[in-house]
């Protein structure tokens, strides 16, 4: 992962040591022994903060690109089905409509369930929102 590599390339031990005590208290695990990305927006040097912004920015770009691809391919499928609808029976059109509705719901649900918490956790410290544990 490009963004994870970028965020951890500088001062990895400093980042992990910053959260070590509280991480062990809250989660009972040593952050030095697990794969974790630390985003820090204050109480550190400018390079550290810059790296955090760049890393979170890269994560956001990758997330938006994947969401964009879902939309692009969904629209392409709908256009192709619409072109072929003239040659379909009424029953087949009804089945295709039901299938598209099911696929739209199956796409939106995990997208909202996966991306919303990620974006919230990435950006909540910027706005001073305490997410607790």
Protein backbone atom coordinates (compact mmCIF):
# COMPACT_ATOMS: atom_id res chain seq x y z
CA UNK A 1 0.00 0.00 0.00
CA UNK A 2 1.58 3.22 -1.18
CA UNK A 3 -0.06 5.44 1.42
CA UNK A 4 0.82 3.14 4.33
CA UNK A 5 4.40 3.03 3.14
CA UNK A 6 4.55 6.79 2.85
CA UNK A 7 3.09 7.42 6.29
CA UNK A 8 5.42 4.96 7.97
CA UNK A 9 8.62 5.91 6.14
CA UNK A 10 9.56 8.70 8.56
CA UNK A 11 9.80 8.39 12.31
CA UNK A 12 7.84 5.15 12.56
CA UNK A 13 9.13 4.45 16.06
CA UNK A 14 8.30 8.02 17.15
CA UNK A 15 4.74 7.61 15.89
CA UNK A 16 4.32 4.26 17.62
CA UNK A 17 5.89 5.39 20.88
CA UNK A 18 3.55 8.41 20.93
CA UNK A 19 0.53 6.10 21.20
CA UNK A 20 2.12 3.09 22.89
CA UNK A 21 0.96 3.66 26.47
CA UNK A 22 -2.60 4.72 25.70
CA UNK A 23 -2.93 2.04 23.00
CA UNK A 24 -1.87 -0.66 25.44
CA UNK A 25 -4.27 0.68 28.09
CA UNK A 26 -7.27 0.86 25.75
CA UNK A 27 -6.71 -2.16 23.52
CA UNK A 28 -4.29 -4.35 25.49
CA UNK A 29 -1.91 -4.66 22.54
CA UNK A 30 1.54 -3.37 21.79
CA UNK A 31 1.43 -1.10 18.69
CA UNK A 32 5.02 -2.09 17.91
CA UNK A 33 3.83 -5.64 17.21
CA UNK A 34 0.89 -4.90 14.91
CA UNK A 35 0.38 -3.14 11.58
CA UNK A 36 -1.00 0.32 12.35
CA UNK A 37 -0.98 3.76 10.79
CA UNK A 38 -0.67 6.71 13.15
CA UNK A 39 -2.12 10.03 12.05
CA UNK A 40 -1.13 12.96 14.25
CA UNK A 41 -2.32 16.50 13.57
CA UNK A 42 -0.86 18.42 16.53
CA UNK A 43 1.64 18.23 19.38
CA UNK A 44 4.50 17.27 17.07
CA UNK A 45 6.89 18.75 14.51
CA UNK A 46 5.82 20.18 11.14
CA UNK A 47 7.26 17.30 9.11
CA UNK A 48 5.26 14.79 11.15
CA UNK A 49 2.05 16.76 10.58
CA UNK A 50 2.81 17.19 6.87
CA UNK A 51 3.36 13.45 6.51
CA UNK A 52 0.05 12.80 8.25
CA UNK A 53 -1.81 15.12 5.85
CA UNK A 54 -0.14 13.55 2.83
CA UNK A 55 -0.85 10.01 4.04
CA UNK A 56 -4.49 10.70 4.87
CA UNK A 57 -4.82 12.56 1.56
CA UNK A 58 -3.50 9.52 -0.30
CA UNK A 59 -5.90 7.24 1.58
CA UNK A 60 -8.75 9.56 0.63
CA UNK A 61 -7.73 9.66 -3.04
CA UNK A 62 -7.57 5.86 -3.23
CA UNK A 63 -10.98 5.60 -1.55
CA UNK A 64 -12.59 8.15 -3.88
CA UNK A 65 -11.10 6.46 -6.94
CA UNK A 66 -12.59 3.12 -5.91
CA UNK A 67 -15.97 4.76 -5.29
CA UNK A 68 -15.71 6.49 -8.67
CA UNK A 69 -14.99 3.20 -10.42
CA UNK A 70 -18.07 1.64 -8.82
CA UNK A 71 -20.21 4.48 -10.19
CA UNK A 72 -18.59 4.42 -13.66
CA UNK A 73 -19.05 0.68 -14.08
CA UNK A 74 -22.59 0.83 -12.70
CA UNK A 75 -23.56 3.51 -15.23
CA UNK A 76 -21.90 1.53 -18.04
CA UNK A 77 -23.88 -1.58 -17.12
CA UNK A 78 -27.14 0.38 -16.95
CA UNK A 79 -26.49 1.97 -20.39
CA UNK A 80 -25.74 -1.41 -21.95
CA UNK A 81 -28.84 -2.95 -20.46
CA UNK A 82 -30.93 -0.04 -21.69
CA UNK A 83 -29.59 -0.52 -25.24
CA UNK A 84 -30.47 -4.20 -25.16
CA UNK A 85 -33.89 -3.67 -23.55
CA UNK A 86 -35.55 -3.30 -26.97
CA UNK A 87 -34.75 -6.93 -27.70
CA UNK A 88 -35.93 -8.32 -24.34
CA UNK A 89 -39.25 -9.79 -23.39
CA UNK A 90 -41.37 -8.08 -20.73
CA UNK A 91 -40.47 -10.78 -18.19
CA UNK A 92 -36.75 -10.41 -18.96
CA UNK A 93 -36.95 -6.59 -18.54
CA UNK A 94 -38.68 -7.06 -15.18
CA UNK A 95 -35.96 -9.50 -14.07
CA UNK A 96 -33.20 -7.11 -15.18
CA UNK A 97 -34.84 -4.24 -13.26
CA UNK A 98 -35.08 -6.35 -10.12
CA UNK A 99 -31.46 -7.47 -10.53
CA UNK A 100 -30.24 -3.88 -10.95
CA UNK A 101 -32.18 -2.76 -7.88
CA UNK A 102 -30.65 -5.59 -5.85
CA UNK A 103 -27.15 -4.78 -7.13
CA UNK A 104 -27.55 -1.08 -6.33
CA UNK A 105 -28.59 -1.89 -2.76
CA UNK A 106 -25.78 -4.45 -2.42
CA UNK A 107 -23.29 -1.82 -3.58
CA UNK A 108 -24.53 1.13 -1.54
CA UNK A 109 -24.83 -0.74 1.77
CA UNK A 110 -21.19 -1.91 2.14
CA UNK A 111 -19.91 1.31 0.62
CA UNK A 112 -21.62 3.39 3.28
CA UNK A 113 -20.81 0.87 6.00
CA UNK A 114 -17.10 0.71 5.08
CA UNK A 115 -16.14 4.16 3.86
CA UNK A 116 -18.12 6.31 6.29
CA UNK A 117 -16.37 5.03 9.43
CA UNK A 118 -12.98 5.30 7.71
CA UNK A 119 -13.48 8.90 6.68
CA UNK A 120 -14.90 9.79 10.07
CA UNK A 121 -11.94 8.27 11.92
CA UNK A 122 -9.40 9.85 9.55
CA UNK A 123 -10.81 13.36 9.80
CA UNK A 124 -12.40 13.58 13.27
CA UNK A 125 -9.16 14.71 14.97
CA UNK A 126 -8.91 17.65 12.57
CA UNK A 127 -12.24 18.99 13.81
CA UNK A 128 -11.51 18.21 17.46
CA UNK A 129 -14.08 15.43 17.73
CA UNK A 130 -13.21 12.91 20.43
CA UNK A 131 -14.02 9.42 19.17
CA UNK A 132 -13.28 7.79 22.51
CA UNK A 133 -11.94 4.27 22.33
